[in-house]
Each structure stands twice: as C-alpha cells, then as structure tokens.
Amino acid sequence: VLGRIRRTIVANENLSTNAHNVKIMVENGSVTLRGPVKSEQEKSWIQNATTQAANGYRVVNQLEITPG
C-alpha cells in the first residue's frame, strides 16, 4: 500500500517538491499523511489519491499548507 501511494504521488509532475516528499505512514488499517504542501489543491489531491490507492484504509490527513 505504501509503495502504491508513493508512486501515485510522485507520478504527478504538477505537485511541488514538498508534496512529493510527504510522510506516509501505514499502520493498523490507516494511512497517515504528514508534511508541508503548497496549497489546498495539493492537500486535497493527495488525500483523494491516497484514498483511492489505499482502498479500504482510513486516511488521516495531517498535511499542512505552507505556501512559498
């Protein structure tokens, strides 16, 4: 699951470097996302991509928007 999520995120060339490097933790049926992203759009795109890639897992989005 972790590899599938990471590949999906890295494959999107429109995301910032920070978004490509978000922390992804898979534990006990849930996926936690942590780290900085540049916009609400990136945050929601990563959330949606993770939800699809980790079908059946609960997604905990702790991404922080830090523009610039």
Protein backbone atom coordinates (compact mmCIF):
# COMPACT_ATOMS: atom_id res chain seq x y z
CA VAL A 1 0.00 0.00 0.00
CA LEU A 2 2.78 2.43 0.92
CA GLY A 3 4.58 1.91 -2.40
CA ARG A 4 1.39 2.31 -4.39
CA ILE A 5 0.59 5.62 -2.66
CA ARG A 6 4.14 6.92 -3.09
CA ARG A 7 4.21 6.02 -6.81
CA THR A 8 0.87 7.75 -7.37
CA ILE A 9 2.04 10.96 -5.69
CA VAL A 10 5.47 11.05 -7.39
CA ALA A 11 3.89 10.39 -10.80
CA ASN A 12 2.01 13.72 -10.61
CA GLU A 13 4.52 16.21 -12.02
CA ASN A 14 2.26 19.15 -11.11
CA LEU A 15 2.90 18.70 -7.39
CA SER A 16 5.57 20.67 -5.52
CA THR A 17 8.78 19.08 -4.23
CA ASN A 18 7.35 19.19 -0.70
CA ALA A 19 4.22 17.36 -1.85
CA HIS A 20 6.35 14.66 -3.48
CA ASN A 21 8.12 14.17 -0.15
CA VAL A 22 5.17 13.94 2.24
CA LYS A 23 5.48 11.37 5.00
CA ILE A 24 3.21 8.37 4.52
CA MET A 25 2.69 6.06 7.48
CA VAL A 26 0.66 2.87 7.17
CA GLU A 27 -0.38 1.28 10.45
CA ASN A 28 -3.29 -0.80 11.73
CA GLY A 29 -5.56 -0.22 8.75
CA SER A 30 -4.97 3.50 8.46
CA VAL A 31 -2.73 5.74 6.40
CA THR A 32 -1.43 8.97 7.94
CA LEU A 33 -0.16 11.80 5.72
CA ARG A 34 2.17 14.40 7.22
CA GLY A 35 4.29 17.25 5.96
CA PRO A 36 4.07 20.57 4.14
CA VAL A 37 2.27 21.15 0.84
CA LYS A 38 1.94 24.44 -1.02
CA SER A 39 -1.84 24.68 -1.44
CA GLU A 40 -5.27 23.39 -0.53
CA GLN A 41 -5.41 21.86 -4.03
CA GLU A 42 -2.29 19.76 -3.37
CA LYS A 43 -3.62 18.72 0.02
CA SER A 44 -6.94 17.55 -1.39
CA TRP A 45 -5.35 15.88 -4.45
CA ILE A 46 -3.01 13.86 -2.22
CA GLN A 47 -5.92 12.96 0.09
CA ASN A 48 -8.01 11.73 -2.86
CA ALA A 49 -5.12 9.84 -4.49
CA THR A 50 -4.30 8.18 -1.18
CA THR A 51 -7.92 7.19 -0.58
CA GLN A 52 -8.02 5.51 -4.00
CA ALA A 53 -4.60 3.84 -3.71
CA ALA A 54 -5.27 2.61 -0.16
CA ASN A 55 -8.73 1.23 -0.79
CA GLY A 56 -10.24 0.06 2.49
CA TYR A 57 -7.80 2.01 4.66
CA ARG A 58 -8.77 5.01 6.77
CA VAL A 59 -6.86 8.12 5.64
CA VAL A 60 -5.72 10.63 8.28
CA ASN A 61 -4.69 13.85 6.54
CA GLN A 62 -2.29 15.90 8.67
CA LEU A 63 -0.76 17.79 5.74
CA GLU A 64 -0.01 21.46 6.43
CA ILE A 65 -0.33 24.20 3.84
CA THR A 66 2.84 26.29 3.73
CA PRO A 67 2.82 28.49 0.61
CA GLY A 68 6.10 29.63 -0.83
